[in-house]
Amino acid sequence: SYSVGNFEEAIDFYRKAIENSSSKQAVFFQFRIAECFQEAFRLDEAIQEYLKVSYFYPQNKSLCAKALLRIAQIYEDREDIQSAKSIYQKILQMDVQEAKYAKERLDLLGLQ
């Protein structure tokens, strides 16, 4: 967990790191930015930052799927089941291990 100052410093650090790294490295920094927002309970911002992982770095399918799973979980926690469903369906269309979990969640939520 971060104190407010450390949180902002961490975000700044990761944003600078993205500017100075290859996209192979940058995707991990982008994921960390999203995690920082999530850990600070700034969930709308976390969702936006996790979405950037899948938009800007689609070549890293595994991390994209993890980012989408985090978004779906935030939606589930908010009881926004329709939004969670659309994210899980997006994961199902990807060729990733996480698709199995997404299908399980859809089944559990009665959304297939």
N, C-alpha and C. Protein backbone atom coordinates (compact mmCIF):
# COMPACT_ATOMS: atom_id res chain seq x y z
N SER A 1 0.84 -1.20 0.00
CA SER A 1 0.00 0.00 0.00
C SER A 1 0.87 1.25 0.00
N TYR A 2 0.30 2.32 -0.49
CA TYR A 2 1.06 3.55 -0.65
C TYR A 2 0.48 4.66 0.22
N SER A 3 1.37 5.48 0.76
CA SER A 3 0.87 6.74 1.30
C SER A 3 0.61 7.61 0.07
N VAL A 4 -0.08 8.69 0.23
CA VAL A 4 -0.44 9.51 -0.94
C VAL A 4 0.81 9.94 -1.71
N GLY A 5 1.82 10.41 -1.01
CA GLY A 5 3.04 10.87 -1.67
C GLY A 5 3.72 9.75 -2.44
N ASN A 6 3.86 8.60 -1.80
CA ASN A 6 4.50 7.46 -2.46
C ASN A 6 3.71 7.00 -3.68
N PHE A 7 2.41 7.05 -3.56
CA PHE A 7 1.55 6.64 -4.67
C PHE A 7 1.81 7.52 -5.89
N GLU A 8 1.79 8.83 -5.69
CA GLU A 8 2.03 9.75 -6.81
C GLU A 8 3.43 9.57 -7.37
N GLU A 9 4.40 9.36 -6.49
CA GLU A 9 5.78 9.16 -6.95
C GLU A 9 5.90 7.88 -7.78
N ALA A 10 5.22 6.84 -7.34
CA ALA A 10 5.26 5.57 -8.07
C ALA A 10 4.67 5.74 -9.46
N ILE A 11 3.53 6.41 -9.54
CA ILE A 11 2.89 6.65 -10.83
C ILE A 11 3.83 7.44 -11.75
N ASP A 12 4.41 8.50 -11.20
CA ASP A 12 5.35 9.31 -12.00
C ASP A 12 6.52 8.46 -12.49
N PHE A 13 7.06 7.65 -11.58
CA PHE A 13 8.19 6.79 -11.94
C PHE A 13 7.82 5.87 -13.10
N TYR A 14 6.67 5.21 -13.00
CA TYR A 14 6.27 4.26 -14.04
C TYR A 14 5.96 4.97 -15.35
N ARG A 15 5.36 6.15 -15.27
CA ARG A 15 5.07 6.91 -16.51
C ARG A 15 6.38 7.28 -17.22
N LYS A 16 7.37 7.73 -16.45
CA LYS A 16 8.68 8.06 -17.04
C LYS A 16 9.34 6.82 -17.61
N ALA A 17 9.20 5.71 -16.90
CA ALA A 17 9.80 4.45 -17.35
C ALA A 17 9.21 4.03 -18.69
N ILE A 18 7.91 4.24 -18.87
CA ILE A 18 7.27 3.89 -20.14
C ILE A 18 7.89 4.69 -21.28
N GLU A 19 8.10 5.99 -21.05
CA GLU A 19 8.67 6.85 -22.09
C GLU A 19 10.06 6.40 -22.51
N ASN A 20 10.79 5.79 -21.58
CA ASN A 20 12.19 5.45 -21.82
C ASN A 20 12.42 3.96 -22.04
N SER A 21 11.38 3.22 -22.43
CA SER A 21 11.58 1.79 -22.60
C SER A 21 10.92 1.28 -23.87
N SER A 22 11.30 0.10 -24.25
CA SER A 22 10.67 -0.55 -25.41
C SER A 22 9.25 -0.95 -25.03
N SER A 23 8.43 -1.23 -26.03
CA SER A 23 7.05 -1.61 -25.71
C SER A 23 7.02 -2.94 -24.96
N LYS A 24 8.03 -3.79 -25.18
CA LYS A 24 8.11 -5.05 -24.44
C LYS A 24 8.21 -4.80 -22.94
N GLN A 25 8.95 -3.78 -22.55
CA GLN A 25 9.08 -3.42 -21.14
C GLN A 25 7.93 -2.54 -20.69
N ALA A 26 7.52 -1.64 -21.55
CA ALA A 26 6.52 -0.64 -21.18
C ALA A 26 5.21 -1.26 -20.72
N VAL A 27 4.83 -2.37 -21.30
CA VAL A 27 3.57 -3.01 -20.91
C VAL A 27 3.56 -3.35 -19.42
N PHE A 28 4.70 -3.76 -18.89
CA PHE A 28 4.76 -4.09 -17.46
C PHE A 28 4.63 -2.84 -16.60
N PHE A 29 5.23 -1.74 -17.05
CA PHE A 29 5.09 -0.48 -16.31
C PHE A 29 3.65 0.01 -16.35
N GLN A 30 3.00 -0.14 -17.52
CA GLN A 30 1.60 0.26 -17.64
C GLN A 30 0.73 -0.56 -16.69
N PHE A 31 1.00 -1.84 -16.60
CA PHE A 31 0.24 -2.71 -15.69
C PHE A 31 0.43 -2.26 -14.24
N ARG A 32 1.66 -1.90 -13.89
CA ARG A 32 1.96 -1.43 -12.52
C ARG A 32 1.22 -0.13 -12.22
N ILE A 33 1.13 0.76 -13.19
CA ILE A 33 0.37 2.00 -12.99
C ILE A 33 -1.07 1.66 -12.62
N ALA A 34 -1.66 0.75 -13.38
CA ALA A 34 -3.04 0.34 -13.10
C ALA A 34 -3.15 -0.26 -11.71
N GLU A 35 -2.18 -1.10 -11.34
CA GLU A 35 -2.20 -1.71 -10.00
C GLU A 35 -2.11 -0.65 -8.91
N CYS A 36 -1.29 0.36 -9.14
CA CYS A 36 -1.16 1.44 -8.15
C CYS A 36 -2.52 2.11 -7.92
N PHE A 37 -3.22 2.43 -9.00
CA PHE A 37 -4.53 3.04 -8.85
C PHE A 37 -5.50 2.11 -8.14
N GLN A 38 -5.42 0.82 -8.47
CA GLN A 38 -6.31 -0.14 -7.83
C GLN A 38 -6.02 -0.23 -6.33
N GLU A 39 -4.74 -0.28 -5.99
CA GLU A 39 -4.36 -0.38 -4.58
C GLU A 39 -4.76 0.87 -3.80
N ALA A 40 -4.86 1.99 -4.50
CA ALA A 40 -5.26 3.25 -3.86
C ALA A 40 -6.79 3.43 -3.91
N PHE A 41 -7.50 2.39 -4.38
CA PHE A 41 -8.96 2.42 -4.48
C PHE A 41 -9.47 3.52 -5.41
N ARG A 42 -8.63 3.90 -6.36
CA ARG A 42 -9.05 4.85 -7.41
C ARG A 42 -9.43 3.99 -8.61
N LEU A 43 -10.59 3.35 -8.50
CA LEU A 43 -10.93 2.24 -9.39
C LEU A 43 -11.28 2.67 -10.81
N ASP A 44 -11.90 3.83 -10.97
CA ASP A 44 -12.18 4.29 -12.33
C ASP A 44 -10.88 4.53 -13.10
N GLU A 45 -9.93 5.12 -12.40
CA GLU A 45 -8.62 5.33 -13.03
C GLU A 45 -7.91 4.00 -13.27
N ALA A 46 -8.05 3.08 -12.34
CA ALA A 46 -7.45 1.75 -12.51
C ALA A 46 -8.00 1.09 -13.77
N ILE A 47 -9.31 1.16 -13.96
CA ILE A 47 -9.92 0.57 -15.15
C ILE A 47 -9.33 1.19 -16.41
N GLN A 48 -9.22 2.52 -16.44
CA GLN A 48 -8.66 3.20 -17.61
C GLN A 48 -7.23 2.74 -17.89
N GLU A 49 -6.45 2.61 -16.83
CA GLU A 49 -5.05 2.21 -17.01
C GLU A 49 -4.92 0.74 -17.41
N TYR A 50 -5.77 -0.11 -16.87
CA TYR A 50 -5.76 -1.52 -17.32
C TYR A 50 -6.19 -1.61 -18.78
N LEU A 51 -7.15 -0.79 -19.19
CA LEU A 51 -7.58 -0.81 -20.59
C LEU A 51 -6.43 -0.42 -21.51
N LYS A 52 -5.58 0.50 -21.06
CA LYS A 52 -4.44 0.91 -21.87
C LYS A 52 -3.52 -0.28 -22.16
N VAL A 53 -3.42 -1.20 -21.20
CA VAL A 53 -2.59 -2.39 -21.43
C VAL A 53 -3.08 -3.12 -22.67
N SER A 54 -4.40 -3.34 -22.74
CA SER A 54 -4.92 -4.11 -23.88
C SER A 54 -4.95 -3.29 -25.18
N TYR A 55 -5.13 -1.97 -25.08
CA TYR A 55 -5.16 -1.14 -26.29
C TYR A 55 -3.77 -0.92 -26.88
N PHE A 56 -2.82 -0.61 -26.01
CA PHE A 56 -1.50 -0.22 -26.50
C PHE A 56 -0.52 -1.38 -26.67
N TYR A 57 -0.80 -2.49 -25.99
CA TYR A 57 0.17 -3.60 -26.02
C TYR A 57 -0.53 -4.94 -26.32
N PRO A 58 -1.33 -5.00 -27.38
CA PRO A 58 -2.09 -6.23 -27.66
C PRO A 58 -1.19 -7.44 -27.93
N GLN A 59 0.07 -7.18 -28.28
CA GLN A 59 0.98 -8.29 -28.56
C GLN A 59 1.30 -9.10 -27.31
N ASN A 60 1.16 -8.50 -26.13
CA ASN A 60 1.39 -9.25 -24.89
C ASN A 60 0.03 -9.78 -24.41
N LYS A 61 -0.40 -10.87 -25.02
CA LYS A 61 -1.74 -11.39 -24.76
C LYS A 61 -1.94 -11.77 -23.30
N SER A 62 -0.93 -12.35 -22.69
CA SER A 62 -1.06 -12.80 -21.31
C SER A 62 -1.33 -11.63 -20.36
N LEU A 63 -0.54 -10.57 -20.49
CA LEU A 63 -0.74 -9.41 -19.61
C LEU A 63 -2.04 -8.68 -19.95
N CYS A 64 -2.41 -8.66 -21.21
CA CYS A 64 -3.70 -8.07 -21.61
C CYS A 64 -4.84 -8.82 -20.93
N ALA A 65 -4.76 -10.13 -20.96
CA ALA A 65 -5.82 -10.94 -20.34
C ALA A 65 -5.86 -10.69 -18.83
N LYS A 66 -4.70 -10.60 -18.21
CA LYS A 66 -4.66 -10.32 -16.76
C LYS A 66 -5.27 -8.95 -16.46
N ALA A 67 -4.97 -7.97 -17.28
CA ALA A 67 -5.53 -6.63 -17.09
C ALA A 67 -7.05 -6.67 -17.22
N LEU A 68 -7.54 -7.38 -18.24
CA LEU A 68 -8.98 -7.47 -18.43
C LEU A 68 -9.65 -8.21 -17.28
N LEU A 69 -8.98 -9.23 -16.75
CA LEU A 69 -9.54 -9.94 -15.59
C LEU A 69 -9.65 -9.01 -14.38
N ARG A 70 -8.66 -8.16 -14.20
CA ARG A 70 -8.71 -7.19 -13.08
C ARG A 70 -9.91 -6.26 -13.26
N ILE A 71 -10.13 -5.81 -14.50
CA ILE A 71 -11.27 -4.93 -14.78
C ILE A 71 -12.58 -5.65 -14.48
N ALA A 72 -12.69 -6.88 -14.96
CA ALA A 72 -13.91 -7.65 -14.73
C ALA A 72 -14.17 -7.82 -13.23
N GLN A 73 -13.11 -8.05 -12.46
CA GLN A 73 -13.27 -8.22 -11.01
C GLN A 73 -13.75 -6.92 -10.37
N ILE A 74 -13.21 -5.80 -10.81
CA ILE A 74 -13.68 -4.50 -10.28
C ILE A 74 -15.16 -4.34 -10.58
N TYR A 75 -15.57 -4.66 -11.81
CA TYR A 75 -16.99 -4.57 -12.16
C TYR A 75 -17.84 -5.51 -11.31
N GLU A 76 -17.35 -6.73 -11.10
CA GLU A 76 -18.11 -7.67 -10.27
C GLU A 76 -18.25 -7.13 -8.84
N ASP A 77 -17.15 -6.58 -8.31
CA ASP A 77 -17.19 -6.02 -6.95
C ASP A 77 -18.21 -4.90 -6.85
N ARG A 78 -18.40 -4.18 -7.95
CA ARG A 78 -19.37 -3.08 -7.99
C ARG A 78 -20.77 -3.57 -8.32
N GLU A 79 -20.88 -4.88 -8.56
CA GLU A 79 -22.13 -5.50 -8.98
C GLU A 79 -22.63 -4.96 -10.32
N ASP A 80 -21.67 -4.56 -11.15
CA ASP A 80 -21.97 -4.15 -12.53
C ASP A 80 -21.74 -5.38 -13.41
N ILE A 81 -22.70 -6.30 -13.34
CA ILE A 81 -22.53 -7.61 -13.95
C ILE A 81 -22.49 -7.53 -15.48
N GLN A 82 -23.26 -6.61 -16.08
CA GLN A 82 -23.24 -6.49 -17.54
C GLN A 82 -21.85 -6.09 -18.04
N SER A 83 -21.22 -5.14 -17.35
CA SER A 83 -19.87 -4.73 -17.77
C SER A 83 -18.88 -5.86 -17.57
N ALA A 84 -19.00 -6.59 -16.45
CA ALA A 84 -18.11 -7.73 -16.20
C ALA A 84 -18.29 -8.76 -17.32
N LYS A 85 -19.55 -9.01 -17.67
CA LYS A 85 -19.86 -9.99 -18.72
C LYS A 85 -19.17 -9.62 -20.03
N SER A 86 -19.25 -8.35 -20.43
CA SER A 86 -18.64 -7.96 -21.71
C SER A 86 -17.12 -8.13 -21.68
N ILE A 87 -16.51 -7.87 -20.52
CA ILE A 87 -15.06 -8.06 -20.40
C ILE A 87 -14.71 -9.55 -20.47
N TYR A 88 -15.46 -10.38 -19.74
CA TYR A 88 -15.20 -11.83 -19.79
C TYR A 88 -15.37 -12.36 -21.22
N GLN A 89 -16.36 -11.86 -21.93
CA GLN A 89 -16.57 -12.31 -23.31
C GLN A 89 -15.40 -11.91 -24.21
N LYS A 90 -14.83 -10.73 -23.94
CA LYS A 90 -13.66 -10.28 -24.68
C LYS A 90 -12.48 -11.24 -24.44
N ILE A 91 -12.31 -11.66 -23.19
CA ILE A 91 -11.23 -12.58 -22.84
C ILE A 91 -11.45 -13.94 -23.52
N LEU A 92 -12.71 -14.38 -23.57
CA LEU A 92 -13.03 -15.66 -24.22
C LEU A 92 -12.57 -15.69 -25.67
N GLN A 93 -12.60 -14.54 -26.33
CA GLN A 93 -12.22 -14.47 -27.74
C GLN A 93 -10.71 -14.46 -27.95
N MET A 94 -9.97 -14.33 -26.85
CA MET A 94 -8.51 -14.31 -26.94
C MET A 94 -7.98 -15.73 -26.81
N ASP A 95 -6.86 -15.99 -27.41
CA ASP A 95 -6.23 -17.30 -27.32
C ASP A 95 -5.28 -17.31 -26.13
N VAL A 96 -5.86 -17.35 -24.91
CA VAL A 96 -5.06 -17.28 -23.69
C VAL A 96 -5.61 -18.26 -22.65
N GLN A 97 -4.75 -18.64 -21.72
CA GLN A 97 -5.15 -19.54 -20.64
C GLN A 97 -6.30 -18.95 -19.82
N GLU A 98 -6.28 -17.64 -19.65
CA GLU A 98 -7.28 -16.97 -18.82
C GLU A 98 -8.70 -17.12 -19.36
N ALA A 99 -8.83 -17.53 -20.62
CA ALA A 99 -10.16 -17.71 -21.21
C ALA A 99 -10.95 -18.78 -20.44
N LYS A 100 -10.25 -19.77 -19.93
CA LYS A 100 -10.92 -20.83 -19.16
C LYS A 100 -11.56 -20.23 -17.90
N TYR A 101 -10.80 -19.38 -17.22
CA TYR A 101 -11.33 -18.72 -16.02
C TYR A 101 -12.50 -17.81 -16.38
N ALA A 102 -12.38 -17.09 -17.47
CA ALA A 102 -13.45 -16.19 -17.90
C ALA A 102 -14.73 -16.98 -18.15
N LYS A 103 -14.59 -18.14 -18.77
CA LYS A 103 -15.77 -18.98 -19.03
C LYS A 103 -16.39 -19.44 -17.71
N GLU A 104 -15.53 -19.84 -16.76
CA GLU A 104 -16.02 -20.26 -15.44
C GLU A 104 -16.80 -19.14 -14.76
N ARG A 105 -16.27 -17.93 -14.85
CA ARG A 105 -16.96 -16.77 -14.23
C ARG A 105 -18.31 -16.53 -14.90
N LEU A 106 -18.34 -16.59 -16.22
CA LEU A 106 -19.60 -16.41 -16.96
C LEU A 106 -20.61 -17.48 -16.55
N ASP A 107 -20.14 -18.72 -16.45
CA ASP A 107 -21.03 -19.81 -16.04
C ASP A 107 -21.56 -19.55 -14.63
N LEU A 108 -20.64 -19.18 -13.73
CA LEU A 108 -21.02 -18.95 -12.33
C LEU A 108 -22.02 -17.81 -12.20
N LEU A 109 -21.83 -16.80 -13.02
CA LEU A 109 -22.73 -15.65 -12.98
C LEU A 109 -24.01 -15.90 -13.78
N GLY A 110 -24.09 -17.09 -14.38
CA GLY A 110 -25.26 -17.45 -15.16
C GLY A 110 -25.41 -16.62 -16.42
N LEU A 111 -24.29 -16.34 -17.07
CA LEU A 111 -24.32 -15.38 -18.19
C LEU A 111 -24.00 -16.02 -19.54
N GLN A 112 -23.93 -17.32 -19.63
CA GLN A 112 -23.60 -17.94 -20.92
C GLN A 112 -24.79 -17.96 -21.83
